[in-house]
Amino acid sequence: MADRETIVTGGGGSGGIIAGILLVAFVVIVAYFVFFNGNGGSRTVDVDVPAVKVDVVPDGQ
């Protein structure tokens, strides 16, 4: 019976590089929403709503 040797080598770390890029992109997106989209936490919008008048006549019931 012949002796056989199996050598397992790593994949070059490409999975770690992809995970790192995704993590950096996620942090940049979260930072954008926190710092640039917040502006104090609330915004006000002025909306002009016309007055509505409804004539209701009771029918005696």
Protein backbone atom coordinates (compact mmCIF):
# COMPACT_ATOMS: atom_id res chain seq x y z
CA MET A 1 0.00 0.00 0.00
CA ALA A 2 1.46 3.35 -1.08
CA ASP A 3 1.73 6.31 1.30
CA ARG A 4 -0.18 9.34 0.12
CA GLU A 5 0.12 12.86 1.42
CA THR A 6 -2.63 15.46 1.04
CA ILE A 7 -1.64 19.11 1.19
CA VAL A 8 -4.45 21.61 1.70
CA THR A 9 -3.68 25.21 0.89
CA GLY A 10 -5.78 28.31 1.54
CA GLY A 11 -7.85 30.00 -1.14
CA GLY A 12 -5.75 33.16 -1.11
CA GLY A 13 -8.00 35.06 1.32
CA SER A 14 -10.40 36.35 -1.33
CA GLY A 15 -13.37 35.70 0.96
CA GLY A 16 -11.85 37.93 3.62
CA ILE A 17 -11.22 40.71 1.12
CA ILE A 18 -14.83 40.60 -0.11
CA ALA A 19 -16.16 40.61 3.46
CA GLY A 20 -13.93 43.58 4.29
CA ILE A 21 -15.16 45.56 1.27
CA LEU A 22 -18.79 44.83 2.18
CA LEU A 23 -18.17 45.89 5.78
CA VAL A 24 -16.57 49.18 4.72
CA ALA A 25 -19.46 49.89 2.31
CA PHE A 26 -21.99 49.20 5.08
CA VAL A 27 -20.20 51.54 7.50
CA VAL A 28 -20.08 54.31 4.87
CA ILE A 29 -23.82 53.97 4.17
CA VAL A 30 -24.72 54.04 7.86
CA ALA A 31 -22.45 57.06 8.44
CA TYR A 32 -24.15 58.90 5.55
CA PHE A 33 -27.61 58.36 7.03
CA VAL A 34 -26.50 59.31 10.54
CA PHE A 35 -24.48 62.43 9.73
CA PHE A 36 -25.96 63.85 6.53
CA ASN A 37 -29.57 62.68 6.51
CA GLY A 38 -30.38 63.30 10.18
CA ASN A 39 -29.89 67.08 10.58
CA GLY A 40 -31.17 67.12 14.15
CA GLY A 41 -33.52 64.19 13.81
CA SER A 42 -36.57 65.89 12.31
CA ARG A 43 -37.60 68.12 9.46
CA THR A 44 -40.77 70.12 9.05
CA VAL A 45 -42.72 70.48 5.85
CA ASP A 46 -45.22 73.30 5.37
CA VAL A 47 -48.39 72.06 3.71
CA ASP A 48 -51.28 74.38 2.91
CA VAL A 49 -54.55 72.56 3.48
CA PRO A 50 -57.68 74.36 2.31
CA ALA A 51 -60.55 74.70 4.76
CA VAL A 52 -63.36 72.25 4.15
CA LYS A 53 -66.93 73.15 5.01
CA VAL A 54 -69.55 70.42 5.14
CA ASP A 55 -73.23 71.27 5.49
CA VAL A 56 -74.91 68.55 7.50
CA VAL A 57 -78.64 68.71 8.02
CA PRO A 58 -80.06 66.37 10.64
CA ASP A 59 -82.83 64.22 9.24
CA GLY A 60 -84.76 63.92 12.52
CA GLN A 61 -83.97 60.34 13.41
